[in-house]
Amino acid sequence: MDEKRIAILAIAVKDSDKAMQVNEILHAFGKYIISRNGLPYRERGINIITLITDAPQDIVSNLSGKIGKLSEVEIKTSYLKV
């Protein structure tokens, strides 16, 4: 098994109709998510979700890729050197 890494993911959901799809993906990767926070940013008309994961890099890449393929959803991932 690959070495686990801590990653921070920022997700911007620009179309609230995509929220269910995002949540389904996050649920599938739930065992790797150690923190999840979501909030509406009404001034910009988006919802922001931040995640902290502890998982092998290929798992985080898979999660990011699935979410990144959704239209009207943007994701950025950063890894910590811990």
C-alpha atoms as a PDB file:
ATOM      1  CA  MET A   1       0.000   0.000   0.000  1.00  0.00           C
ATOM      2  CA  ASP A   2       1.212   3.500  -0.823  1.00  0.00           C
ATOM      3  CA  GLU A   3       2.286   5.796   1.949  1.00  0.00           C
ATOM      4  CA  LYS A   4      -0.540   7.961   3.236  1.00  0.00           C
ATOM      5  CA  ARG A   5      -0.333  11.721   2.863  1.00  0.00           C
ATOM      6  CA  ILE A   6      -2.359  14.532   4.323  1.00  0.00           C
ATOM      7  CA  ALA A   7      -4.079  16.602   1.650  1.00  0.00           C
ATOM      8  CA  ILE A   8      -6.238  19.693   1.796  1.00  0.00           C
ATOM      9  CA  LEU A   9      -8.907  19.989  -0.892  1.00  0.00           C
ATOM     10  CA  ALA A  10     -10.932  23.100  -1.688  1.00  0.00           C
ATOM     11  CA  ILE A  11     -14.083  22.560  -3.720  1.00  0.00           C
ATOM     12  CA  ALA A  12     -16.235  25.317  -5.227  1.00  0.00           C
ATOM     13  CA  VAL A  13     -19.686  24.178  -6.342  1.00  0.00           C
ATOM     14  CA  LYS A  14     -20.977  26.825  -8.746  1.00  0.00           C
ATOM     15  CA  ASP A  15     -24.270  25.052  -9.496  1.00  0.00           C
ATOM     16  CA  SER A  16     -26.173  23.826  -6.435  1.00  0.00           C
ATOM     17  CA  ASP A  17     -27.742  21.091  -8.586  1.00  0.00           C
ATOM     18  CA  LYS A  18     -24.289  19.429  -8.576  1.00  0.00           C
ATOM     19  CA  ALA A  19     -24.212  19.199  -4.769  1.00  0.00           C
ATOM     20  CA  MET A  20     -25.780  15.731  -4.699  1.00  0.00           C
ATOM     21  CA  GLN A  21     -23.179  14.378  -7.134  1.00  0.00           C
ATOM     22  CA  VAL A  22     -20.349  15.903  -5.097  1.00  0.00           C
ATOM     23  CA  ASN A  23     -21.775  14.433  -1.891  1.00  0.00           C
ATOM     24  CA  GLU A  24     -22.076  10.966  -3.465  1.00  0.00           C
ATOM     25  CA  ILE A  25     -18.407  11.065  -4.447  1.00  0.00           C
ATOM     26  CA  LEU A  26     -17.354  12.308  -1.014  1.00  0.00           C
ATOM     27  CA  HIS A  27     -19.396   9.563   0.636  1.00  0.00           C
ATOM     28  CA  ALA A  28     -17.581   6.923  -1.451  1.00  0.00           C
ATOM     29  CA  PHE A  29     -14.231   8.247  -0.169  1.00  0.00           C
ATOM     30  CA  GLY A  30     -15.502   8.854   3.363  1.00  0.00           C
ATOM     31  CA  LYS A  31     -13.050   6.552   5.126  1.00  0.00           C
ATOM     32  CA  TYR A  32     -10.189   8.818   4.003  1.00  0.00           C
ATOM     33  CA  ILE A  33     -11.811  12.140   4.997  1.00  0.00           C
ATOM     34  CA  ILE A  34     -10.751  13.341   8.448  1.00  0.00           C
ATOM     35  CA  SER A  35     -12.396  16.766   8.242  1.00  0.00           C
ATOM     36  CA  ARG A  36     -15.143  18.253   6.092  1.00  0.00           C
ATOM     37  CA  ASN A  37     -16.570  21.754   6.208  1.00  0.00           C
ATOM     38  CA  GLY A  38     -19.109  23.284   3.855  1.00  0.00           C
ATOM     39  CA  LEU A  39     -20.608  26.724   3.627  1.00  0.00           C
ATOM     40  CA  PRO A  40     -22.605  28.790   1.189  1.00  0.00           C
ATOM     41  CA  TYR A  41     -20.902  31.926  -0.098  1.00  0.00           C
ATOM     42  CA  ARG A  42     -24.024  33.830  -1.072  1.00  0.00           C
ATOM     43  CA  GLU A  43     -22.271  36.968  -2.341  1.00  0.00           C
ATOM     44  CA  ARG A  44     -20.622  34.852  -5.051  1.00  0.00           C
ATOM     45  CA  GLY A  45     -23.434  32.354  -5.524  1.00  0.00           C
ATOM     46  CA  ILE A  46     -21.249  29.332  -4.780  1.00  0.00           C
ATOM     47  CA  ASN A  47     -20.893  26.685  -2.108  1.00  0.00           C
ATOM     48  CA  ILE A  48     -17.425  25.989  -0.742  1.00  0.00           C
ATOM     49  CA  ILE A  49     -16.367  22.654   0.735  1.00  0.00           C
ATOM     50  CA  THR A  50     -13.005  22.124   2.392  1.00  0.00           C
ATOM     51  CA  LEU A  51     -11.677  18.654   3.100  1.00  0.00           C
ATOM     52  CA  ILE A  52      -8.691  17.238   4.894  1.00  0.00           C
ATOM     53  CA  THR A  53      -7.825  13.702   3.901  1.00  0.00           C
ATOM     54  CA  ASP A  54      -5.296  11.130   5.064  1.00  0.00           C
ATOM     55  CA  ALA A  55      -4.868   8.741   2.145  1.00  0.00           C
ATOM     56  CA  PRO A  56      -2.419   7.429  -0.437  1.00  0.00           C
ATOM     57  CA  GLN A  57      -1.773   9.975  -3.179  1.00  0.00           C
ATOM     58  CA  ASP A  58      -3.498   7.832  -5.822  1.00  0.00           C
ATOM     59  CA  ILE A  59      -6.709   7.830  -3.762  1.00  0.00           C
ATOM     60  CA  VAL A  60      -6.624  11.625  -3.393  1.00  0.00           C
ATOM     61  CA  SER A  61      -5.934  11.979  -7.120  1.00  0.00           C
ATOM     62  CA  ASN A  62      -8.870   9.683  -7.895  1.00  0.00           C
ATOM     63  CA  LEU A  63     -11.160  11.720  -5.618  1.00  0.00           C
ATOM     64  CA  SER A  64      -9.969  15.005  -7.143  1.00  0.00           C
ATOM     65  CA  GLY A  65     -10.357  13.664 -10.656  1.00  0.00           C
ATOM     66  CA  LYS A  66     -13.934  12.487 -10.131  1.00  0.00           C
ATOM     67  CA  ILE A  67     -14.984  15.816  -8.663  1.00  0.00           C
ATOM     68  CA  GLY A  68     -13.001  17.808 -11.228  1.00  0.00           C
ATOM     69  CA  LYS A  69     -14.883  16.122 -14.086  1.00  0.00           C
ATOM     70  CA  LEU A  70     -18.190  17.589 -12.900  1.00  0.00           C
ATOM     71  CA  SER A  71     -19.253  20.696 -14.778  1.00  0.00           C
ATOM     72  CA  GLU A  72     -19.678  23.828 -12.669  1.00  0.00           C
ATOM     73  CA  VAL A  73     -17.420  22.369  -9.945  1.00  0.00           C
ATOM     74  CA  GLU A  74     -13.818  23.403  -9.350  1.00  0.00           C
ATOM     75  CA  ILE A  75     -11.307  21.653  -7.070  1.00  0.00           C
ATOM     76  CA  LYS A  76      -7.791  22.428  -5.901  1.00  0.00           C
ATOM     77  CA  THR A  77      -5.598  20.040  -3.914  1.00  0.00           C
ATOM     78  CA  SER A  78      -2.523  20.709  -1.778  1.00  0.00           C
ATOM     79  CA  TYR A  79      -0.374  18.180   0.066  1.00  0.00           C
ATOM     80  CA  LEU A  80       1.324  18.715   3.412  1.00  0.00           C
ATOM     81  CA  LYS A  81       4.868  17.514   4.014  1.00  0.00           C
ATOM     82  CA  VAL A  82       4.172  15.793   7.336  1.00  0.00           C
END
